[in-house]
Amino acid sequence: MDPAPATRRPRQDPPGPGRRGTRPWAPVLGVLLVVAALTAGWPLIDTALGDRERVAAGTALELGPDGDAAVLRVVGPGWGLSKSSSDPDTAYTLSRDGVGLAARYIGLTEAGDPGELWNGLRKVQSVADSGSRLGAARPLTGARGAIGRSGRLTGGGRTGSATLWLPPGRGYAVEIIVLARPGAAPGAVADATAMARGLTFPPGTS
């Protein structure tokens, strides 16, 4: 029998950056900030054990407003949630065995296109962080007709992927970054990749 979903919604904060009503360039900037935080600051997250809260396998982390949230379900045991760099409903940062995952809700002012967002991310990133590299995007099809892009990401001595999801008919996108340091546990890499690829959306999305 499948375990019952355990949605994390620890507190109800006012809408933060990245919600609807942001400027047109804000989605790309928001994604860039996630990439920069991981490529430059992940070693700090690795060592800040007092900042980590254990998250059980199967926990559902919601990204978005009530009734319209995407769900990132935790795959595998041993993940820790960074309390300082996570914001309920907006962003989550997880780490385990040398692997980091960051997921962010990005509000859009109008219907977005994953290809345009991906190209914009690459252009801005090349200026802001010349040491990181975002590879070519591969198209993805997800739950309830969601469309996305995924590609190889390297930076700060780590390798991984960036995944962008855009549900049809919704004014938001979700960006998921996975980065692993050399020697990271293969199982943790596989579980993080499964989380990024397995994002789900509410009924009526398509």
C-alpha atoms as a PDB file:
ATOM      1  CA  MET A   1       0.000   0.000   0.000  1.00  0.00           C
ATOM      2  CA  ASP A   2       1.356   3.411  -0.896  1.00  0.00           C
ATOM      3  CA  PRO A   3       2.087   5.728   2.031  1.00  0.00           C
ATOM      4  CA  ALA A   4      -0.318   8.574   2.585  1.00  0.00           C
ATOM      5  CA  PRO A   5       0.910  11.899   1.267  1.00  0.00           C
ATOM      6  CA  ALA A   6       2.478  14.166   3.864  1.00  0.00           C
ATOM      7  CA  THR A   7       2.303  17.676   2.502  1.00  0.00           C
ATOM      8  CA  ARG A   8       4.749  20.081   4.123  1.00  0.00           C
ATOM      9  CA  ARG A   9       3.279  23.486   4.783  1.00  0.00           C
ATOM     10  CA  PRO A  10       5.039  24.510   8.023  1.00  0.00           C
ATOM     11  CA  ARG A  11       3.878  28.093   8.004  1.00  0.00           C
ATOM     12  CA  GLN A  12       1.787  30.466   5.939  1.00  0.00           C
ATOM     13  CA  ASP A  13       4.018  33.340   4.844  1.00  0.00           C
ATOM     14  CA  PRO A  14       2.931  36.284   2.723  1.00  0.00           C
ATOM     15  CA  PRO A  15       3.683  35.824  -0.966  1.00  0.00           C
ATOM     16  CA  GLY A  16       7.385  36.386  -1.526  1.00  0.00           C
ATOM     17  CA  PRO A  17       9.560  37.117  -4.547  1.00  0.00           C
ATOM     18  CA  GLY A  18       8.688  35.068  -7.592  1.00  0.00           C
ATOM     19  CA  ARG A  19       4.911  35.276  -7.161  1.00  0.00           C
ATOM     20  CA  ARG A  20       2.540  36.522  -9.812  1.00  0.00           C
ATOM     21  CA  GLY A  21       2.921  40.161 -10.718  1.00  0.00           C
ATOM     22  CA  THR A  22       6.697  40.060 -11.115  1.00  0.00           C
ATOM     23  CA  ARG A  23       8.427  41.894 -13.934  1.00  0.00           C
ATOM     24  CA  PRO A  24       8.996  40.053 -17.242  1.00  0.00           C
ATOM     25  CA  TRP A  25      12.700  39.438 -16.529  1.00  0.00           C
ATOM     26  CA  ALA A  26      12.109  38.185 -13.009  1.00  0.00           C
ATOM     27  CA  PRO A  27      11.684  34.474 -13.910  1.00  0.00           C
ATOM     28  CA  VAL A  28      15.123  34.288 -15.500  1.00  0.00           C
ATOM     29  CA  LEU A  29      16.671  36.272 -12.666  1.00  0.00           C
ATOM     30  CA  GLY A  30      15.029  34.022 -10.091  1.00  0.00           C
ATOM     31  CA  VAL A  31      16.386  30.913 -11.777  1.00  0.00           C
ATOM     32  CA  LEU A  32      19.827  32.483 -12.003  1.00  0.00           C
ATOM     33  CA  LEU A  33      19.850  33.169  -8.278  1.00  0.00           C
ATOM     34  CA  VAL A  34      19.120  29.498  -7.606  1.00  0.00           C
ATOM     35  CA  VAL A  35      21.972  28.418  -9.882  1.00  0.00           C
ATOM     36  CA  ALA A  36      24.384  30.918  -8.348  1.00  0.00           C
ATOM     37  CA  ALA A  37      23.502  29.864  -4.809  1.00  0.00           C
ATOM     38  CA  LEU A  38      24.167  26.236  -5.578  1.00  0.00           C
ATOM     39  CA  THR A  39      27.335  26.557  -7.642  1.00  0.00           C
ATOM     40  CA  ALA A  40      28.942  29.021  -5.247  1.00  0.00           C
ATOM     41  CA  GLY A  41      27.423  28.279  -1.854  1.00  0.00           C
ATOM     42  CA  TRP A  42      26.652  24.578  -1.723  1.00  0.00           C
ATOM     43  CA  PRO A  43      29.688  23.667   0.432  1.00  0.00           C
ATOM     44  CA  LEU A  44      28.222  25.873   3.160  1.00  0.00           C
ATOM     45  CA  ILE A  45      24.935  23.985   2.999  1.00  0.00           C
ATOM     46  CA  ASP A  46      26.797  20.670   3.188  1.00  0.00           C
ATOM     47  CA  THR A  47      28.472  21.611   6.457  1.00  0.00           C
ATOM     48  CA  ALA A  48      25.661  23.532   8.158  1.00  0.00           C
ATOM     49  CA  LEU A  49      24.208  20.471   9.872  1.00  0.00           C
ATOM     50  CA  GLY A  50      22.385  22.568  12.448  1.00  0.00           C
ATOM     51  CA  ASP A  51      20.395  24.129   9.629  1.00  0.00           C
ATOM     52  CA  ARG A  52      19.194  20.780   8.259  1.00  0.00           C
ATOM     53  CA  GLU A  53      15.822  19.263   9.082  1.00  0.00           C
ATOM     54  CA  ARG A  54      15.264  15.608   8.207  1.00  0.00           C
ATOM     55  CA  VAL A  55      12.626  14.977   5.560  1.00  0.00           C
ATOM     56  CA  ALA A  56      11.064  11.519   5.243  1.00  0.00           C
ATOM     57  CA  ALA A  57      10.805   9.660   1.954  1.00  0.00           C
ATOM     58  CA  GLY A  58       7.414  10.274   0.367  1.00  0.00           C
ATOM     59  CA  THR A  59       7.010  13.755   1.829  1.00  0.00           C
ATOM     60  CA  ALA A  60       5.228  16.114  -0.575  1.00  0.00           C
ATOM     61  CA  LEU A  61       6.679  19.606  -0.851  1.00  0.00           C
ATOM     62  CA  GLU A  62       4.241  22.079  -2.402  1.00  0.00           C
ATOM     63  CA  LEU A  63       5.382  24.842  -4.741  1.00  0.00           C
ATOM     64  CA  GLY A  64       2.719  27.425  -5.473  1.00  0.00           C
ATOM     65  CA  PRO A  65      -0.496  28.844  -4.041  1.00  0.00           C
ATOM     66  CA  ASP A  66      -3.228  26.766  -2.375  1.00  0.00           C
ATOM     67  CA  GLY A  67      -5.204  24.743  -4.889  1.00  0.00           C
ATOM     68  CA  ASP A  68      -2.720  25.394  -7.699  1.00  0.00           C
ATOM     69  CA  ALA A  69       0.520  24.000  -6.318  1.00  0.00           C
ATOM     70  CA  ALA A  70       3.012  21.718  -8.007  1.00  0.00           C
ATOM     71  CA  VAL A  71       4.164  18.822  -5.821  1.00  0.00           C
ATOM     72  CA  LEU A  72       7.773  17.710  -5.412  1.00  0.00           C
ATOM     73  CA  ARG A  73       7.737  14.318  -3.712  1.00  0.00           C
ATOM     74  CA  VAL A  74      10.860  13.285  -1.784  1.00  0.00           C
ATOM     75  CA  VAL A  75      12.416  10.092  -3.179  1.00  0.00           C
ATOM     76  CA  GLY A  76      14.596   7.972  -0.892  1.00  0.00           C
ATOM     77  CA  PRO A  77      15.644   8.314   2.769  1.00  0.00           C
ATOM     78  CA  GLY A  78      18.198  10.600   4.374  1.00  0.00           C
ATOM     79  CA  TRP A  79      17.401  13.963   2.798  1.00  0.00           C
ATOM     80  CA  GLY A  80      17.857  17.112   4.864  1.00  0.00           C
ATOM     81  CA  LEU A  81      15.945  20.339   4.288  1.00  0.00           C
ATOM     82  CA  SER A  82      17.907  23.583   4.653  1.00  0.00           C
ATOM     83  CA  LYS A  83      15.686  25.751   6.829  1.00  0.00           C
ATOM     84  CA  SER A  84      17.501  28.998   6.064  1.00  0.00           C
ATOM     85  CA  SER A  85      17.327  28.669   2.267  1.00  0.00           C
ATOM     86  CA  SER A  86      13.828  27.192   2.036  1.00  0.00           C
ATOM     87  CA  ASP A  87      10.555  29.113   2.001  1.00  0.00           C
ATOM     88  CA  PRO A  88       7.291  27.127   2.194  1.00  0.00           C
ATOM     89  CA  ASP A  89       5.351  27.198  -1.078  1.00  0.00           C
ATOM     90  CA  THR A  90       8.143  29.095  -2.882  1.00  0.00           C
ATOM     91  CA  ALA A  91      11.516  27.309  -2.612  1.00  0.00           C
ATOM     92  CA  TYR A  92      13.103  24.213  -1.080  1.00  0.00           C
ATOM     93  CA  THR A  93      16.767  23.247  -0.756  1.00  0.00           C
ATOM     94  CA  LEU A  94      17.620  19.621   0.050  1.00  0.00           C
ATOM     95  CA  SER A  95      20.926  17.801   0.496  1.00  0.00           C
ATOM     96  CA  ARG A  96      22.078  14.220   0.954  1.00  0.00           C
ATOM     97  CA  ASP A  97      25.390  12.361   0.595  1.00  0.00           C
ATOM     98  CA  GLY A  98      27.095  15.062  -1.471  1.00  0.00           C
ATOM     99  CA  VAL A  99      24.062  15.838  -3.632  1.00  0.00           C
ATOM    100  CA  GLY A 100      22.073  19.056  -3.536  1.00  0.00           C
ATOM    101  CA  LEU A 101      18.644  19.796  -4.957  1.00  0.00           C
ATOM    102  CA  ALA A 102      16.934  23.184  -5.097  1.00  0.00           C
ATOM    103  CA  ALA A 103      13.404  23.722  -6.388  1.00  0.00           C
ATOM    104  CA  ARG A 104      11.845  27.127  -6.924  1.00  0.00           C
ATOM    105  CA  TYR A 105       8.386  28.400  -7.851  1.00  0.00           C
ATOM    106  CA  ILE A 106       8.596  31.201 -10.427  1.00  0.00           C
ATOM    107  CA  GLY A 107       5.565  33.428 -10.986  1.00  0.00           C
ATOM    108  CA  LEU A 108       4.965  34.679 -14.534  1.00  0.00           C
ATOM    109  CA  THR A 109       3.090  37.769 -15.672  1.00  0.00           C
ATOM    110  CA  GLU A 110       1.922  36.005 -18.844  1.00  0.00           C
ATOM    111  CA  ALA A 111       1.957  32.559 -20.435  1.00  0.00           C
ATOM    112  CA  GLY A 112       5.561  31.430 -20.677  1.00  0.00           C
ATOM    113  CA  ASP A 113       7.477  29.213 -23.057  1.00  0.00           C
ATOM    114  CA  PRO A 114      10.074  26.785 -21.647  1.00  0.00           C
ATOM    115  CA  GLY A 115      12.378  27.275 -24.616  1.00  0.00           C
ATOM    116  CA  GLU A 116      12.404  31.040 -24.186  1.00  0.00           C
ATOM    117  CA  LEU A 117      12.991  30.773 -20.446  1.00  0.00           C
ATOM    118  CA  TRP A 118      15.849  28.316 -21.019  1.00  0.00           C
ATOM    119  CA  ASN A 119      17.532  30.539 -23.599  1.00  0.00           C
ATOM    120  CA  GLY A 120      17.139  33.544 -21.350  1.00  0.00           C
ATOM    121  CA  LEU A 121      18.681  31.663 -18.454  1.00  0.00           C
ATOM    122  CA  ARG A 122      21.713  30.716 -20.538  1.00  0.00           C
ATOM    123  CA  LYS A 123      22.265  34.295 -21.714  1.00  0.00           C
ATOM    124  CA  VAL A 124      22.034  35.816 -18.256  1.00  0.00           C
ATOM    125  CA  GLN A 125      24.091  33.079 -16.640  1.00  0.00           C
ATOM    126  CA  SER A 126      26.940  33.413 -19.130  1.00  0.00           C
ATOM    127  CA  VAL A 127      27.363  37.001 -17.994  1.00  0.00           C
ATOM    128  CA  ALA A 128      26.838  36.461 -14.264  1.00  0.00           C
ATOM    129  CA  ASP A 129      28.888  33.277 -13.785  1.00  0.00           C
ATOM    130  CA  SER A 130      31.442  32.461 -16.458  1.00  0.00           C
ATOM    131  CA  GLY A 131      32.630  29.429 -14.500  1.00  0.00           C
ATOM    132  CA  SER A 132      29.356  27.500 -14.784  1.00  0.00           C
ATOM    133  CA  ARG A 133      27.975  25.853 -17.894  1.00  0.00           C
ATOM    134  CA  LEU A 134      24.393  25.061 -18.846  1.00  0.00           C
ATOM    135  CA  GLY A 135      24.115  22.552 -21.690  1.00  0.00           C
ATOM    136  CA  ALA A 136      21.620  22.147 -24.464  1.00  0.00           C
ATOM    137  CA  ALA A 137      18.032  21.576 -23.379  1.00  0.00           C
ATOM    138  CA  ARG A 138      16.203  18.313 -23.972  1.00  0.00           C
ATOM    139  CA  PRO A 139      12.393  18.516 -24.210  1.00  0.00           C
ATOM    140  CA  LEU A 140      10.359  16.785 -21.504  1.00  0.00           C
ATOM    141  CA  THR A 141       6.694  15.864 -21.149  1.00  0.00           C
ATOM    142  CA  GLY A 142       5.381  15.521 -17.627  1.00  0.00           C
ATOM    143  CA  ALA A 143       2.270  14.801 -15.639  1.00  0.00           C
ATOM    144  CA  ARG A 144      -1.025  16.341 -16.814  1.00  0.00           C
ATOM    145  CA  GLY A 145       0.488  17.647 -20.027  1.00  0.00           C
ATOM    146  CA  ALA A 146       3.240  19.720 -18.434  1.00  0.00           C
ATOM    147  CA  ILE A 147       6.070  20.602 -20.770  1.00  0.00           C
ATOM    148  CA  GLY A 148       9.657  21.136 -19.779  1.00  0.00           C
ATOM    149  CA  ARG A 149      13.328  21.333 -20.569  1.00  0.00           C
ATOM    150  CA  SER A 150      16.311  19.641 -18.943  1.00  0.00           C
ATOM    151  CA  GLY A 151      20.046  19.931 -19.519  1.00  0.00           C
ATOM    152  CA  ARG A 152      23.453  19.297 -17.995  1.00  0.00           C
ATOM    153  CA  LEU A 153      24.725  21.873 -15.508  1.00  0.00           C
ATOM    154  CA  THR A 154      28.262  22.208 -14.146  1.00  0.00           C
ATOM    155  CA  GLY A 155      29.767  24.713 -11.736  1.00  0.00           C
ATOM    156  CA  GLY A 156      31.817  25.011  -8.579  1.00  0.00           C
ATOM    157  CA  GLY A 157      33.406  21.606  -9.170  1.00  0.00           C
ATOM    158  CA  ARG A 158      29.996  19.946  -9.252  1.00  0.00           C
ATOM    159  CA  THR A 159      27.945  18.365 -11.992  1.00  0.00           C
ATOM    160  CA  GLY A 160      24.240  17.810 -12.381  1.00  0.00           C
ATOM    161  CA  SER A 161      21.216  19.108 -14.222  1.00  0.00           C
ATOM    162  CA  ALA A 162      18.750  21.946 -14.492  1.00  0.00           C
ATOM    163  CA  THR A 163      15.106  21.100 -15.143  1.00  0.00           C
ATOM    164  CA  LEU A 164      12.392  23.601 -16.004  1.00  0.00           C
ATOM    165  CA  TRP A 165       8.680  22.720 -15.892  1.00  0.00           C
ATOM    166  CA  LEU A 166       5.818  24.794 -17.234  1.00  0.00           C
ATOM    167  CA  PRO A 167       2.234  23.507 -16.768  1.00  0.00           C
ATOM    168  CA  PRO A 168      -0.159  24.516 -19.571  1.00  0.00           C
ATOM    169  CA  GLY A 169      -2.663  27.164 -18.584  1.00  0.00           C
ATOM    170  CA  ARG A 170      -0.852  28.176 -15.414  1.00  0.00           C
ATOM    171  CA  GLY A 171       0.992  31.418 -14.787  1.00  0.00           C
ATOM    172  CA  TYR A 172       4.053  29.892 -13.217  1.00  0.00           C
ATOM    173  CA  ALA A 173       7.080  27.695 -13.832  1.00  0.00           C
ATOM    174  CA  VAL A 174       9.144  25.440 -11.560  1.00  0.00           C
ATOM    175  CA  GLU A 175      12.933  25.208 -11.804  1.00  0.00           C
ATOM    176  CA  ILE A 176      14.804  22.307 -10.209  1.00  0.00           C
ATOM    177  CA  ILE A 177      18.594  22.254  -9.909  1.00  0.00           C
ATOM    178  CA  VAL A 178      20.513  19.085  -9.009  1.00  0.00           C
ATOM    179  CA  LEU A 179      24.280  19.262  -8.362  1.00  0.00           C
ATOM    180  CA  ALA A 180      26.604  16.561  -7.046  1.00  0.00           C
ATOM    181  CA  ARG A 181      30.154  16.906  -5.802  1.00  0.00           C
ATOM    182  CA  PRO A 182      32.828  14.399  -6.902  1.00  0.00           C
ATOM    183  CA  GLY A 183      32.331  11.056  -5.169  1.00  0.00           C
ATOM    184  CA  ALA A 184      28.691  11.692  -4.311  1.00  0.00           C
ATOM    185  CA  ALA A 185      26.557   8.622  -3.648  1.00  0.00           C
ATOM    186  CA  PRO A 186      25.096   7.343  -6.955  1.00  0.00           C
ATOM    187  CA  GLY A 187      21.839   6.445  -5.212  1.00  0.00           C
ATOM    188  CA  ALA A 188      21.396  10.017  -4.021  1.00  0.00           C
ATOM    189  CA  VAL A 189      22.022  11.327  -7.546  1.00  0.00           C
ATOM    190  CA  ALA A 190      19.431   8.919  -8.950  1.00  0.00           C
ATOM    191  CA  ASP A 191      16.857   9.865  -6.313  1.00  0.00           C
ATOM    192  CA  ALA A 192      17.400  13.589  -6.890  1.00  0.00           C
ATOM    193  CA  THR A 193      17.010  13.126 -10.638  1.00  0.00           C
ATOM    194  CA  ALA A 194      13.803  11.162 -10.072  1.00  0.00           C
ATOM    195  CA  MET A 195      12.442  14.016  -7.965  1.00  0.00           C
ATOM    196  CA  ALA A 196      13.249  16.568 -10.660  1.00  0.00           C
ATOM    197  CA  ARG A 197      11.629  14.478 -13.383  1.00  0.00           C
ATOM    198  CA  GLY A 198       8.631  13.417 -11.273  1.00  0.00           C
ATOM    199  CA  LEU A 199       7.181  16.829 -10.406  1.00  0.00           C
ATOM    200  CA  THR A 200       3.364  16.697 -10.536  1.00  0.00           C
ATOM    201  CA  PHE A 201       0.668  19.305 -10.989  1.00  0.00           C
ATOM    202  CA  PRO A 202      -2.916  19.693  -9.718  1.00  0.00           C
ATOM    203  CA  PRO A 203      -5.962  18.408 -11.627  1.00  0.00           C
ATOM    204  CA  GLY A 204      -7.136  20.696 -14.393  1.00  0.00           C
ATOM    205  CA  THR A 205      -3.627  21.785 -15.336  1.00  0.00           C
ATOM    206  CA  SER A 206      -3.781  20.535 -18.898  1.00  0.00           C
END
